Amino acid sequence: MLNVGRLRVLTEVAYRGSFSAAADALSYTQSAVSQQIATLEAETGMTLLERHPRGVGLTAAGQTLVGHAEGILARLEAAEASL
């Protein structure tokens, strides 16, 4: 089963365009973000991000997973708000 925390990290990397910016936004180290993405890629068996000299971009698999992750995270936030 996919880990919600790792999905949150992936969406943040996708929005921010780099591991460093996502780390700053999440109050993580860049290394922790990198490790979370590596674990998520291992869990899915897919490359989710294309690494570039000045940031990252989503692969097709990454785009698909971020789309699902956005819905999952939104539903979790709604559940928390309703409680």
PDB file of N, CA and C in Angstrom:
ATOM      1  N   MET A   1       0.839  -1.171   0.000  1.00  0.00           N
ATOM      2  CA  MET A   1       0.000   0.000   0.000  1.00  0.00           C
ATOM      3  C   MET A   1       0.892   1.245   0.000  1.00  0.00           C
ATOM      4  N   LEU A   2       0.483   2.222  -0.754  1.00  0.00           N
ATOM      5  CA  LEU A   2       1.246   3.467  -0.833  1.00  0.00           C
ATOM      6  C   LEU A   2       1.101   4.262   0.456  1.00  0.00           C
ATOM      7  N   ASN A   3       2.168   4.929   0.840  1.00  0.00           N
ATOM      8  CA  ASN A   3       2.221   5.709   2.063  1.00  0.00           C
ATOM      9  C   ASN A   3       1.762   7.142   1.780  1.00  0.00           C
ATOM     10  N   VAL A   4       0.819   7.624   2.570  1.00  0.00           N
ATOM     11  CA  VAL A   4       0.256   8.953   2.361  1.00  0.00           C
ATOM     12  C   VAL A   4       1.329  10.035   2.527  1.00  0.00           C
ATOM     13  N   GLY A   5       2.221   9.866   3.479  1.00  0.00           N
ATOM     14  CA  GLY A   5       3.288  10.847   3.678  1.00  0.00           C
ATOM     15  C   GLY A   5       4.175  10.971   2.455  1.00  0.00           C
ATOM     16  N   ARG A   6       4.484   9.847   1.832  1.00  0.00           N
ATOM     17  CA  ARG A   6       5.307   9.887   0.624  1.00  0.00           C
ATOM     18  C   ARG A   6       4.548  10.510  -0.541  1.00  0.00           C
ATOM     19  N   LEU A   7       3.240  10.265  -0.604  1.00  0.00           N
ATOM     20  CA  LEU A   7       2.431  10.911  -1.651  1.00  0.00           C
ATOM     21  C   LEU A   7       2.434  12.425  -1.468  1.00  0.00           C
ATOM     22  N   ARG A   8       2.388  12.869  -0.216  1.00  0.00           N
ATOM     23  CA  ARG A   8       2.437  14.305   0.065  1.00  0.00           C
ATOM     24  C   ARG A   8       3.780  14.888  -0.387  1.00  0.00           C
ATOM     25  N   VAL A   9       4.862  14.154  -0.131  1.00  0.00           N
ATOM     26  CA  VAL A   9       6.189  14.605  -0.566  1.00  0.00           C
ATOM     27  C   VAL A   9       6.239  14.692  -2.089  1.00  0.00           C
ATOM     28  N   LEU A  10       5.723  13.674  -2.773  1.00  0.00           N
ATOM     29  CA  LEU A  10       5.721  13.684  -4.235  1.00  0.00           C
ATOM     30  C   LEU A  10       4.949  14.880  -4.780  1.00  0.00           C
ATOM     31  N   THR A  11       3.781  15.155  -4.233  1.00  0.00           N
ATOM     32  CA  THR A  11       3.002  16.291  -4.743  1.00  0.00           C
ATOM     33  C   THR A  11       3.730  17.605  -4.483  1.00  0.00           C
ATOM     34  N   GLU A  12       4.390  17.714  -3.360  1.00  0.00           N
ATOM     35  CA  GLU A  12       5.123  18.943  -3.058  1.00  0.00           C
ATOM     36  C   GLU A  12       6.297  19.119  -4.018  1.00  0.00           C
ATOM     37  N   VAL A  13       7.012  18.039  -4.310  1.00  0.00           N
ATOM     38  CA  VAL A  13       8.113  18.103  -5.277  1.00  0.00           C
ATOM     39  C   VAL A  13       7.564  18.502  -6.647  1.00  0.00           C
ATOM     40  N   ALA A  14       6.428  17.926  -7.020  1.00  0.00           N
ATOM     41  CA  ALA A  14       5.822  18.251  -8.319  1.00  0.00           C
ATOM     42  C   ALA A  14       5.442  19.727  -8.383  1.00  0.00           C
ATOM     43  N   TYR A  15       4.823  20.264  -7.349  1.00  0.00           N
ATOM     44  CA  TYR A  15       4.412  21.668  -7.334  1.00  0.00           C
ATOM     45  C   TYR A  15       5.595  22.619  -7.317  1.00  0.00           C
ATOM     46  N   ARG A  16       6.609  22.269  -6.552  1.00  0.00           N
ATOM     47  CA  ARG A  16       7.742  23.178  -6.350  1.00  0.00           C
ATOM     48  C   ARG A  16       8.830  23.022  -7.403  1.00  0.00           C
ATOM     49  N   GLY A  17       8.905  21.852  -8.042  1.00  0.00           N
ATOM     50  CA  GLY A  17       9.865  21.652  -9.119  1.00  0.00           C
ATOM     51  C   GLY A  17      11.269  21.268  -8.685  1.00  0.00           C
ATOM     52  N   SER A  18      11.475  21.078  -7.381  1.00  0.00           N
ATOM     53  CA  SER A  18      12.793  20.634  -6.921  1.00  0.00           C
ATOM     54  C   SER A  18      12.675  19.982  -5.554  1.00  0.00           C
ATOM     55  N   PHE A  19      13.643  19.141  -5.249  1.00  0.00           N
ATOM     56  CA  PHE A  19      13.689  18.502  -3.939  1.00  0.00           C
ATOM     57  C   PHE A  19      13.960  19.538  -2.857  1.00  0.00           C
ATOM     58  N   SER A  20      14.829  20.482  -3.139  1.00  0.00           N
ATOM     59  CA  SER A  20      15.198  21.490  -2.144  1.00  0.00           C
ATOM     60  C   SER A  20      14.013  22.371  -1.773  1.00  0.00           C
ATOM     61  N   ALA A  21      13.274  22.835  -2.767  1.00  0.00           N
ATOM     62  CA  ALA A  21      12.108  23.687  -2.496  1.00  0.00           C
ATOM     63  C   ALA A  21      11.036  22.906  -1.738  1.00  0.00           C
ATOM     64  N   ALA A  22      10.837  21.655  -2.113  1.00  0.00           N
ATOM     65  CA  ALA A  22       9.867  20.824  -1.397  1.00  0.00           C
ATOM     66  C   ALA A  22      10.317  20.599   0.040  1.00  0.00           C
ATOM     67  N   ALA A  23      11.600  20.367   0.233  1.00  0.00           N
ATOM     68  CA  ALA A  23      12.132  20.172   1.581  1.00  0.00           C
ATOM     69  C   ALA A  23      11.884  21.404   2.438  1.00  0.00           C
ATOM     70  N   ASP A  24      12.132  22.576   1.883  1.00  0.00           N
ATOM     71  CA  ASP A  24      11.884  23.821   2.621  1.00  0.00           C
ATOM     72  C   ASP A  24      10.407  23.948   2.999  1.00  0.00           C
ATOM     73  N   ALA A  25       9.524  23.663   2.063  1.00  0.00           N
ATOM     74  CA  ALA A  25       8.091  23.796   2.304  1.00  0.00           C
ATOM     75  C   ALA A  25       7.590  22.807   3.358  1.00  0.00           C
ATOM     76  N   LEU A  26       8.187  21.634   3.381  1.00  0.00           N
ATOM     77  CA  LEU A  26       7.751  20.583   4.304  1.00  0.00           C
ATOM     78  C   LEU A  26       8.534  20.577   5.621  1.00  0.00           C
ATOM     79  N   SER A  27       9.549  21.435   5.715  1.00  0.00           N
ATOM     80  CA  SER A  27      10.460  21.455   6.873  1.00  0.00           C
ATOM     81  C   SER A  27      11.194  20.120   7.027  1.00  0.00           C
ATOM     82  N   TYR A  28      11.609  19.565   5.899  1.00  0.00           N
ATOM     83  CA  TYR A  28      12.413  18.344   5.842  1.00  0.00           C
ATOM     84  C   TYR A  28      13.799  18.726   5.332  1.00  0.00           C
ATOM     85  N   THR A  29      14.722  17.793   5.425  1.00  0.00           N
ATOM     86  CA  THR A  29      15.996  17.983   4.750  1.00  0.00           C
ATOM     87  C   THR A  29      15.835  17.545   3.306  1.00  0.00           C
ATOM     88  N   GLN A  30      16.706  18.038   2.446  1.00  0.00           N
ATOM     89  CA  GLN A  30      16.676  17.621   1.038  1.00  0.00           C
ATOM     90  C   GLN A  30      16.912  16.125   0.942  1.00  0.00           C
ATOM     91  N   SER A  31      17.776  15.605   1.789  1.00  0.00           N
ATOM     92  CA  SER A  31      18.076  14.182   1.809  1.00  0.00           C
ATOM     93  C   SER A  31      16.837  13.353   2.164  1.00  0.00           C
ATOM     94  N   ALA A  32      16.054  13.825   3.123  1.00  0.00           N
ATOM     95  CA  ALA A  32      14.832  13.108   3.518  1.00  0.00           C
ATOM     96  C   ALA A  32      13.828  13.070   2.367  1.00  0.00           C
ATOM     97  N   VAL A  33      13.700  14.171   1.654  1.00  0.00           N
ATOM     98  CA  VAL A  33      12.801  14.211   0.498  1.00  0.00           C
ATOM     99  C   VAL A  33      13.280  13.231  -0.562  1.00  0.00           C
ATOM    100  N   SER A  34      14.568  13.253  -0.841  1.00  0.00           N
ATOM    101  CA  SER A  34      15.142  12.342  -1.827  1.00  0.00           C
ATOM    102  C   SER A  34      14.902  10.884  -1.442  1.00  0.00           C
ATOM    103  N   GLN A  35      15.086  10.565  -0.174  1.00  0.00           N
ATOM    104  CA  GLN A  35      14.865   9.195   0.302  1.00  0.00           C
ATOM    105  C   GLN A  35      13.398   8.789   0.177  1.00  0.00           C
ATOM    106  N   GLN A  36      12.484   9.708   0.490  1.00  0.00           N
ATOM    107  CA  GLN A  36      11.058   9.410   0.375  1.00  0.00           C
ATOM    108  C   GLN A  36      10.663   9.138  -1.076  1.00  0.00           C
ATOM    109  N   ILE A  37      11.203   9.921  -1.987  1.00  0.00           N
ATOM    110  CA  ILE A  37      10.915   9.713  -3.415  1.00  0.00           C
ATOM    111  C   ILE A  37      11.513   8.393  -3.887  1.00  0.00           C
ATOM    112  N   ALA A  38      12.726   8.098  -3.464  1.00  0.00           N
ATOM    113  CA  ALA A  38      13.365   6.829  -3.853  1.00  0.00           C
ATOM    114  C   ALA A  38      12.549   5.639  -3.344  1.00  0.00           C
ATOM    115  N   THR A  39      12.048   5.735  -2.133  1.00  0.00           N
ATOM    116  CA  THR A  39      11.227   4.657  -1.578  1.00  0.00           C
ATOM    117  C   THR A  39       9.926   4.520  -2.352  1.00  0.00           C
ATOM    118  N   LEU A  40       9.296   5.640  -2.677  1.00  0.00           N
ATOM    119  CA  LEU A  40       8.052   5.612  -3.443  1.00  0.00           C
ATOM    120  C   LEU A  40       8.273   5.017  -4.827  1.00  0.00           C
ATOM    121  N   GLU A  41       9.378   5.372  -5.459  1.00  0.00           N
ATOM    122  CA  GLU A  41       9.688   4.788  -6.775  1.00  0.00           C
ATOM    123  C   GLU A  41       9.939   3.286  -6.654  1.00  0.00           C
ATOM    124  N   ALA A  42      10.572   2.862  -5.582  1.00  0.00           N
ATOM    125  CA  ALA A  42      10.796   1.428  -5.373  1.00  0.00           C
ATOM    126  C   ALA A  42       9.472   0.702  -5.130  1.00  0.00           C
ATOM    127  N   GLU A  43       8.596   1.318  -4.349  1.00  0.00           N
ATOM    128  CA  GLU A  43       7.291   0.712  -4.068  1.00  0.00           C
ATOM    129  C   GLU A  43       6.446   0.560  -5.327  1.00  0.00           C
ATOM    130  N   THR A  44       6.497   1.555  -6.179  1.00  0.00           N
ATOM    131  CA  THR A  44       5.677   1.521  -7.396  1.00  0.00           C
ATOM    132  C   THR A  44       6.357   0.770  -8.529  1.00  0.00           C
ATOM    133  N   GLY A  45       7.681   0.636  -8.445  1.00  0.00           N
ATOM    134  CA  GLY A  45       8.426   0.014  -9.535  1.00  0.00           C
ATOM    135  C   GLY A  45       8.511   0.906 -10.760  1.00  0.00           C
ATOM    136  N   MET A  46       8.272   2.193 -10.558  1.00  0.00           N
ATOM    137  CA  MET A  46       8.246   3.142 -11.671  1.00  0.00           C
ATOM    138  C   MET A  46       9.138   4.341 -11.358  1.00  0.00           C
ATOM    139  N   THR A  47       9.686   4.937 -12.403  1.00  0.00           N
ATOM    140  CA  THR A  47      10.364   6.219 -12.259  1.00  0.00           C
ATOM    141  C   THR A  47       9.286   7.289 -12.300  1.00  0.00           C
ATOM    142  N   LEU A  48       9.224   8.087 -11.244  1.00  0.00           N
ATOM    143  CA  LEU A  48       8.162   9.082 -11.123  1.00  0.00           C
ATOM    144  C   LEU A  48       8.625  10.484 -11.489  1.00  0.00           C
ATOM    145  N   LEU A  49       9.931  10.719 -11.384  1.00  0.00           N
ATOM    146  CA  LEU A  49      10.486  12.036 -11.647  1.00  0.00           C
ATOM    147  C   LEU A  49      11.650  11.944 -12.623  1.00  0.00           C
ATOM    148  N   GLU A  50      11.741  12.934 -13.491  1.00  0.00           N
ATOM    149  CA  GLU A  50      12.906  13.090 -14.362  1.00  0.00           C
ATOM    150  C   GLU A  50      13.802  14.124 -13.703  1.00  0.00           C
ATOM    151  N   ARG A  51      15.025  13.736 -13.422  1.00  0.00           N
ATOM    152  CA  ARG A  51      15.955  14.654 -12.781  1.00  0.00           C
ATOM    153  C   ARG A  51      16.657  15.490 -13.839  1.00  0.00           C
ATOM    154  N   HIS A  52      16.659  16.810 -13.633  1.00  0.00           N
ATOM    155  CA  HIS A  52      17.319  17.751 -14.523  1.00  0.00           C
ATOM    156  C   HIS A  52      18.337  18.556 -13.719  1.00  0.00           C
ATOM    157  N   PRO A  53      19.302  19.193 -14.382  1.00  0.00           N
ATOM    158  CA  PRO A  53      20.285  19.984 -13.637  1.00  0.00           C
ATOM    159  C   PRO A  53      19.649  21.080 -12.768  1.00  0.00           C
ATOM    160  N   ARG A  54      18.531  21.614 -13.186  1.00  0.00           N
ATOM    161  CA  ARG A  54      17.886  22.694 -12.429  1.00  0.00           C
ATOM    162  C   ARG A  54      16.497  22.311 -11.937  1.00  0.00           C
ATOM    163  N   GLY A  55      16.350  21.112 -11.442  1.00  0.00           N
ATOM    164  CA  GLY A  55      15.066  20.710 -10.886  1.00  0.00           C
ATOM    165  C   GLY A  55      14.607  19.368 -11.404  1.00  0.00           C
ATOM    166  N   VAL A  56      13.322  19.112 -11.241  1.00  0.00           N
ATOM    167  CA  VAL A  56      12.749  17.837 -11.643  1.00  0.00           C
ATOM    168  C   VAL A  56      11.435  18.073 -12.378  1.00  0.00           C
ATOM    169  N   GLY A  57      11.048  17.079 -13.156  1.00  0.00           N
ATOM    170  CA  GLY A  57       9.754  17.070 -13.821  1.00  0.00           C
ATOM    171  C   GLY A  57       9.120  15.705 -13.635  1.00  0.00           C
ATOM    172  N   LEU A  58       7.828  15.633 -13.787  1.00  0.00           N
ATOM    173  CA  LEU A  58       7.118  14.370 -13.628  1.00  0.00           C
ATOM    174  C   LEU A  58       7.180  13.536 -14.900  1.00  0.00           C
ATOM    175  N   THR A  59       7.346  12.242 -14.725  1.00  0.00           N
ATOM    176  CA  THR A  59       7.174  11.315 -15.834  1.00  0.00           C
ATOM    177  C   THR A  59       5.671  11.106 -16.011  1.00  0.00           C
ATOM    178  N   ALA A  60       5.288  10.351 -17.017  1.00  0.00           N
ATOM    179  CA  ALA A  60       3.863  10.049 -17.211  1.00  0.00           C
ATOM    180  C   ALA A  60       3.311   9.323 -15.983  1.00  0.00           C
ATOM    181  N   ALA A  61       4.067   8.382 -15.443  1.00  0.00           N
ATOM    182  CA  ALA A  61       3.640   7.668 -14.235  1.00  0.00           C
ATOM    183  C   ALA A  61       3.534   8.628 -13.057  1.00  0.00           C
ATOM    184  N   GLY A  62       4.469   9.549 -12.955  1.00  0.00           N
ATOM    185  CA  GLY A  62       4.438  10.545 -11.892  1.00  0.00           C
ATOM    186  C   GLY A  62       3.215  11.432 -11.992  1.00  0.00           C
ATOM    187  N   GLN A  63       2.863  11.836 -13.207  1.00  0.00           N
ATOM    188  CA  GLN A  63       1.670  12.664 -13.413  1.00  0.00           C
ATOM    189  C   GLN A  63       0.416  11.914 -12.982  1.00  0.00           C
ATOM    190  N   THR A  64       0.346  10.652 -13.337  1.00  0.00           N
ATOM    191  CA  THR A  64      -0.806   9.834 -12.956  1.00  0.00           C
ATOM    192  C   THR A  64      -0.904   9.719 -11.445  1.00  0.00           C
ATOM    193  N   LEU A  65       0.225   9.424 -10.796  1.00  0.00           N
ATOM    194  CA  LEU A  65       0.200   9.245  -9.348  1.00  0.00           C
ATOM    195  C   LEU A  65      -0.097  10.550  -8.625  1.00  0.00           C
ATOM    196  N   VAL A  66       0.443  11.662  -9.090  1.00  0.00           N
ATOM    197  CA  VAL A  66       0.145  12.952  -8.464  1.00  0.00           C
ATOM    198  C   VAL A  66      -1.347  13.266  -8.592  1.00  0.00           C
ATOM    199  N   GLY A  67      -1.946  12.958  -9.729  1.00  0.00           N
ATOM    200  CA  GLY A  67      -3.380  13.177  -9.891  1.00  0.00           C
ATOM    201  C   GLY A  67      -4.187  12.417  -8.851  1.00  0.00           C
ATOM    202  N   HIS A  68      -3.840  11.167  -8.631  1.00  0.00           N
ATOM    203  CA  HIS A  68      -4.517  10.376  -7.602  1.00  0.00           C
ATOM    204  C   HIS A  68      -4.198  10.914  -6.207  1.00  0.00           C
ATOM    205  N   ALA A  69      -2.937  11.265  -5.985  1.00  0.00           N
ATOM    206  CA  ALA A  69      -2.512  11.759  -4.673  1.00  0.00           C
ATOM    207  C   ALA A  69      -3.260  13.034  -4.290  1.00  0.00           C
ATOM    208  N   GLU A  70      -3.480  13.911  -5.254  1.00  0.00           N
ATOM    209  CA  GLU A  70      -4.219  15.151  -4.968  1.00  0.00           C
ATOM    210  C   GLU A  70      -5.616  14.841  -4.432  1.00  0.00           C
ATOM    211  N   GLY A  71      -6.286  13.885  -5.060  1.00  0.00           N
ATOM    212  CA  GLY A  71      -7.615  13.492  -4.599  1.00  0.00           C
ATOM    213  C   GLY A  71      -7.582  12.854  -3.223  1.00  0.00           C
ATOM    214  N   ILE A  72      -6.609  11.992  -3.000  1.00  0.00           N
ATOM    215  CA  ILE A  72      -6.461  11.325  -1.699  1.00  0.00           C
ATOM    216  C   ILE A  72      -6.202  12.351  -0.601  1.00  0.00           C
ATOM    217  N   LEU A  73      -5.266  13.258  -0.855  1.00  0.00           N
ATOM    218  CA  LEU A  73      -4.918  14.257   0.149  1.00  0.00           C
ATOM    219  C   LEU A  73      -6.095  15.196   0.422  1.00  0.00           C
ATOM    220  N   ALA A  74      -6.842  15.551  -0.612  1.00  0.00           N
ATOM    221  CA  ALA A  74      -8.011  16.403  -0.432  1.00  0.00           C
ATOM    222  C   ALA A  74      -9.067  15.711   0.422  1.00  0.00           C
ATOM    223  N   ARG A  75      -9.272  14.423   0.200  1.00  0.00           N
ATOM    224  CA  ARG A  75     -10.265  13.684   0.990  1.00  0.00           C
ATOM    225  C   ARG A  75      -9.822  13.550   2.439  1.00  0.00           C
ATOM    226  N   LEU A  76      -8.527  13.358   2.658  1.00  0.00           N
ATOM    227  CA  LEU A  76      -8.022  13.289   4.033  1.00  0.00           C
ATOM    228  C   LEU A  76      -8.206  14.620   4.744  1.00  0.00           C
ATOM    229  N   GLU A  77      -7.926  15.718   4.056  1.00  0.00           N
ATOM    230  CA  GLU A  77      -8.119  17.047   4.644  1.00  0.00           C
ATOM    231  C   GLU A  77      -9.598  17.279   4.958  1.00  0.00           C
ATOM    232  N   ALA A  78     -10.485  16.844   4.069  1.00  0.00           N
ATOM    233  CA  ALA A  78     -11.919  16.996   4.309  1.00  0.00           C
ATOM    234  C   ALA A  78     -12.345  16.170   5.517  1.00  0.00           C
ATOM    235  N   ALA A  79     -11.815  14.976   5.641  1.00  0.00           N
ATOM    236  CA  ALA A  79     -12.142  14.121   6.781  1.00  0.00           C
ATOM    237  C   ALA A  79     -11.686  14.766   8.080  1.00  0.00           C
ATOM    238  N   GLU A  80     -10.467  15.312   8.074  1.00  0.00           N
ATOM    239  CA  GLU A  80      -9.950  15.977   9.270  1.00  0.00           C
ATOM    240  C   GLU A  80     -10.806  17.201   9.619  1.00  0.00           C
ATOM    241  N   ALA A  81     -11.192  17.963   8.611  1.00  0.00           N
ATOM    242  CA  ALA A  81     -11.999  19.160   8.840  1.00  0.00           C
ATOM    243  C   ALA A  81     -13.375  18.817   9.397  1.00  0.00           C
ATOM    244  N   SER A  82     -13.952  17.713   8.936  1.00  0.00           N
ATOM    245  CA  SER A  82     -15.293  17.362   9.401  1.00  0.00           C
ATOM    246  C   SER A  82     -15.287  16.801  10.816  1.00  0.00           C
ATOM    247  N   LEU A  83     -14.132  16.357  11.270  1.00  0.00           N
ATOM    248  CA  LEU A  83     -14.051  15.856  12.648  1.00  0.00           C
ATOM    249  C   LEU A  83     -13.891  17.009  13.609  1.00  0.00           C
TER     250      LEU A  83
END
